[in-house]
Amino acid sequence: MLVLFNVNLIDRNNNNIKYNTTIIINGSKIVDIINKNDTNRGTKTNIYESYPNSTLIDLSGKYIIPGLFDIHAHVAGVLNNSFNKTLSEEMLHRLLAYGITTIRNPGGPTEQSVNLKKDINSHIL
């Protein structure tokens, strides 16, 4: 478990910021979001007791945003025989580092693009 403590969460559903929030992550899933005003669960002591073997990271003053969507990312090349798997993987890692979690790859070679997606989904990349 990963506990992101005291982070400012930009909430896309309500178009506001939830200040000093705690986010609990198990693997790749958010399992709980604890509001700072929840005195029964929101203190560091309560979090340590509820998630005893977790890694706690204090992100005071930092922000978390929803994943971004790039609707025109050319990660697999668009010219005939231009697919380069290593370059495509590097581009995907770079996009993810900038917070882009979803892409649309227009004009990319279908077979290679589908295989790249399968590799990502099976955690090969």
C-alpha atoms as a PDB file:
ATOM      1  CA  MET A   1       0.000   0.000   0.000  1.00  0.00           C
ATOM      2  CA  LEU A   2       1.053   3.526  -0.754  1.00  0.00           C
ATOM      3  CA  VAL A   3      -0.285   6.412   1.322  1.00  0.00           C
ATOM      4  CA  LEU A   4      -0.047   9.909  -0.148  1.00  0.00           C
ATOM      5  CA  PHE A   5      -0.527  12.109   2.910  1.00  0.00           C
ATOM      6  CA  ASN A   6      -1.491  15.784   3.053  1.00  0.00           C
ATOM      7  CA  VAL A   7      -1.765  16.284  -0.712  1.00  0.00           C
ATOM      8  CA  ASN A   8      -3.957  18.825  -2.503  1.00  0.00           C
ATOM      9  CA  LEU A   9      -6.244  16.868  -4.813  1.00  0.00           C
ATOM     10  CA  ILE A  10      -7.733  18.548  -7.858  1.00  0.00           C
ATOM     11  CA  ASP A  11     -11.195  17.008  -8.116  1.00  0.00           C
ATOM     12  CA  ARG A  12     -12.415  16.992 -11.710  1.00  0.00           C
ATOM     13  CA  ASN A  13     -15.919  15.905 -10.664  1.00  0.00           C
ATOM     14  CA  ASN A  14     -16.581  18.989  -8.541  1.00  0.00           C
ATOM     15  CA  ASN A  15     -14.096  21.401 -10.161  1.00  0.00           C
ATOM     16  CA  ASN A  16     -12.494  22.201  -6.821  1.00  0.00           C
ATOM     17  CA  ILE A  17      -9.409  21.416  -4.777  1.00  0.00           C
ATOM     18  CA  LYS A  18      -9.534  19.110  -1.763  1.00  0.00           C
ATOM     19  CA  TYR A  19      -6.746  20.430   0.442  1.00  0.00           C
ATOM     20  CA  ASN A  20      -4.628  18.244   2.741  1.00  0.00           C
ATOM     21  CA  THR A  21      -6.206  15.022   1.546  1.00  0.00           C
ATOM     22  CA  THR A  22      -4.849  11.500   2.022  1.00  0.00           C
ATOM     23  CA  ILE A  23      -4.975   9.049  -0.871  1.00  0.00           C
ATOM     24  CA  ILE A  24      -4.553   5.315  -0.260  1.00  0.00           C
ATOM     25  CA  ILE A  25      -3.284   3.283  -3.221  1.00  0.00           C
ATOM     26  CA  ASN A  26      -3.086  -0.494  -3.471  1.00  0.00           C
ATOM     27  CA  GLY A  27      -1.194  -1.567  -6.591  1.00  0.00           C
ATOM     28  CA  SER A  28      -2.632   0.550  -9.383  1.00  0.00           C
ATOM     29  CA  LYS A  29      -5.969   1.267  -7.683  1.00  0.00           C
ATOM     30  CA  ILE A  30      -7.030   4.116  -5.432  1.00  0.00           C
ATOM     31  CA  VAL A  31      -8.791   2.363  -2.565  1.00  0.00           C
ATOM     32  CA  ASP A  32      -9.592   5.320  -0.308  1.00  0.00           C
ATOM     33  CA  ILE A  33      -9.544   9.109  -0.202  1.00  0.00           C
ATOM     34  CA  ILE A  34      -9.596  10.598   3.260  1.00  0.00           C
ATOM     35  CA  ASN A  35     -10.623  14.201   3.820  1.00  0.00           C
ATOM     36  CA  LYS A  36      -8.515  16.227   6.269  1.00  0.00           C
ATOM     37  CA  ASN A  37     -11.660  17.025   8.290  1.00  0.00           C
ATOM     38  CA  ASP A  38     -12.323  13.343   8.992  1.00  0.00           C
ATOM     39  CA  THR A  39     -10.805  13.381  12.481  1.00  0.00           C
ATOM     40  CA  ASN A  40     -11.543   9.672  12.976  1.00  0.00           C
ATOM     41  CA  ARG A  41      -9.389   8.669   9.972  1.00  0.00           C
ATOM     42  CA  GLY A  42      -7.478  11.727   8.712  1.00  0.00           C
ATOM     43  CA  THR A  43      -4.611  11.983  11.200  1.00  0.00           C
ATOM     44  CA  LYS A  44      -1.209  10.418  10.604  1.00  0.00           C
ATOM     45  CA  THR A  45      -1.668   8.194  13.649  1.00  0.00           C
ATOM     46  CA  ASN A  46      -5.020   6.873  12.405  1.00  0.00           C
ATOM     47  CA  ILE A  47      -3.599   6.246   8.953  1.00  0.00           C
ATOM     48  CA  TYR A  48      -0.611   4.325  10.359  1.00  0.00           C
ATOM     49  CA  GLU A  49      -3.013   2.212  12.426  1.00  0.00           C
ATOM     50  CA  SER A  50      -5.361   1.549   9.496  1.00  0.00           C
ATOM     51  CA  TYR A  51      -2.571   0.795   6.992  1.00  0.00           C
ATOM     52  CA  PRO A  52       0.303  -0.485   9.174  1.00  0.00           C
ATOM     53  CA  ASN A  53       2.692  -1.863   6.536  1.00  0.00           C
ATOM     54  CA  SER A  54       2.253   0.880   3.975  1.00  0.00           C
ATOM     55  CA  THR A  55       4.676   3.431   2.613  1.00  0.00           C
ATOM     56  CA  LEU A  56       3.633   6.913   3.706  1.00  0.00           C
ATOM     57  CA  ILE A  57       4.758   9.911   1.640  1.00  0.00           C
ATOM     58  CA  ASP A  58       4.043  13.381   3.007  1.00  0.00           C
ATOM     59  CA  LEU A  59       3.166  15.592   0.020  1.00  0.00           C
ATOM     60  CA  SER A  60       2.385  18.781   1.923  1.00  0.00           C
ATOM     61  CA  GLY A  61       2.047  21.669  -0.508  1.00  0.00           C
ATOM     62  CA  LYS A  62       1.995  19.368  -3.572  1.00  0.00           C
ATOM     63  CA  TYR A  63      -0.884  18.788  -5.981  1.00  0.00           C
ATOM     64  CA  ILE A  64      -2.288  15.696  -7.680  1.00  0.00           C
ATOM     65  CA  ILE A  65      -4.276  16.070 -10.873  1.00  0.00           C
ATOM     66  CA  PRO A  66      -6.367  13.588 -12.840  1.00  0.00           C
ATOM     67  CA  GLY A  67      -4.536  11.863 -15.677  1.00  0.00           C
ATOM     68  CA  LEU A  68      -4.362  13.899 -18.870  1.00  0.00           C
ATOM     69  CA  PHE A  69      -5.544  12.710 -22.295  1.00  0.00           C
ATOM     70  CA  ASP A  70      -3.549  13.417 -25.478  1.00  0.00           C
ATOM     71  CA  ILE A  71      -5.910  12.945 -28.410  1.00  0.00           C
ATOM     72  CA  HIS A  72      -3.244  13.309 -31.098  1.00  0.00           C
ATOM     73  CA  ALA A  73      -0.094  11.475 -30.016  1.00  0.00           C
ATOM     74  CA  HIS A  74       2.038   9.889 -32.735  1.00  0.00           C
ATOM     75  CA  VAL A  75       3.894   7.302 -30.690  1.00  0.00           C
ATOM     76  CA  ALA A  76       4.048   4.516 -33.260  1.00  0.00           C
ATOM     77  CA  GLY A  77       4.950   6.493 -36.398  1.00  0.00           C
ATOM     78  CA  VAL A  78       2.647   7.284 -39.287  1.00  0.00           C
ATOM     79  CA  LEU A  79       4.782   6.692 -42.375  1.00  0.00           C
ATOM     80  CA  ASN A  80       5.117   3.305 -44.067  1.00  0.00           C
ATOM     81  CA  ASN A  81       7.629   1.151 -42.182  1.00  0.00           C
ATOM     82  CA  SER A  82       8.321   3.953 -39.665  1.00  0.00           C
ATOM     83  CA  PHE A  83       7.440   1.976 -36.516  1.00  0.00           C
ATOM     84  CA  ASN A  84      10.260   1.880 -33.979  1.00  0.00           C
ATOM     85  CA  LYS A  85       9.323  -0.089 -30.843  1.00  0.00           C
ATOM     86  CA  THR A  86      12.101   1.359 -28.663  1.00  0.00           C
ATOM     87  CA  LEU A  87      11.275   4.940 -29.661  1.00  0.00           C
ATOM     88  CA  SER A  88       7.549   4.297 -29.147  1.00  0.00           C
ATOM     89  CA  GLU A  89       8.148   2.902 -25.654  1.00  0.00           C
ATOM     90  CA  GLU A  90      10.376   5.861 -24.745  1.00  0.00           C
ATOM     91  CA  MET A  91       7.680   8.263 -25.948  1.00  0.00           C
ATOM     92  CA  LEU A  92       5.029   6.493 -23.855  1.00  0.00           C
ATOM     93  CA  HIS A  93       7.232   6.700 -20.750  1.00  0.00           C
ATOM     94  CA  ARG A  94       7.868  10.398 -21.413  1.00  0.00           C
ATOM     95  CA  LEU A  95       4.144  11.106 -21.849  1.00  0.00           C
ATOM     96  CA  LEU A  96       3.368   9.293 -18.600  1.00  0.00           C
ATOM     97  CA  ALA A  97       6.059  11.300 -16.771  1.00  0.00           C
ATOM     98  CA  TYR A  98       4.191  14.452 -17.836  1.00  0.00           C
ATOM     99  CA  GLY A  99       0.889  13.135 -16.477  1.00  0.00           C
ATOM    100  CA  ILE A 100      -0.600  11.876 -19.734  1.00  0.00           C
ATOM    101  CA  THR A 101      -2.258   8.574 -18.900  1.00  0.00           C
ATOM    102  CA  THR A 102      -4.376   8.085 -22.031  1.00  0.00           C
ATOM    103  CA  ILE A 103      -3.559   8.665 -25.688  1.00  0.00           C
ATOM    104  CA  ARG A 104      -5.141   8.382 -29.103  1.00  0.00           C
ATOM    105  CA  ASN A 105      -2.626   7.395 -31.783  1.00  0.00           C
ATOM    106  CA  PRO A 106      -4.135   8.552 -35.094  1.00  0.00           C
ATOM    107  CA  GLY A 107      -2.643   7.159 -38.257  1.00  0.00           C
ATOM    108  CA  GLY A 108      -0.341   4.744 -36.459  1.00  0.00           C
ATOM    109  CA  PRO A 109       0.263   1.288 -37.907  1.00  0.00           C
ATOM    110  CA  THR A 110      -2.629  -0.811 -36.639  1.00  0.00           C
ATOM    111  CA  GLU A 111      -0.887  -4.099 -35.874  1.00  0.00           C
ATOM    112  CA  GLN A 112       2.084  -2.506 -34.093  1.00  0.00           C
ATOM    113  CA  SER A 113      -0.143  -0.072 -32.190  1.00  0.00           C
ATOM    114  CA  VAL A 114      -2.381  -2.899 -30.974  1.00  0.00           C
ATOM    115  CA  ASN A 115       0.664  -4.952 -29.898  1.00  0.00           C
ATOM    116  CA  LEU A 116       2.068  -1.929 -28.065  1.00  0.00           C
ATOM    117  CA  LYS A 117      -1.251  -1.553 -26.224  1.00  0.00           C
ATOM    118  CA  LYS A 118      -1.252  -5.263 -25.322  1.00  0.00           C
ATOM    119  CA  ASP A 119       2.301  -4.953 -23.938  1.00  0.00           C
ATOM    120  CA  ILE A 120       1.219  -2.034 -21.784  1.00  0.00           C
ATOM    121  CA  ASN A 121      -1.886  -3.825 -20.516  1.00  0.00           C
ATOM    122  CA  SER A 122       0.128  -6.913 -19.622  1.00  0.00           C
ATOM    123  CA  HIS A 123       2.746  -4.754 -17.838  1.00  0.00           C
ATOM    124  CA  ILE A 124       5.558  -5.749 -20.191  1.00  0.00           C
ATOM    125  CA  LEU A 125       6.542  -2.069 -20.605  1.00  0.00           C
END
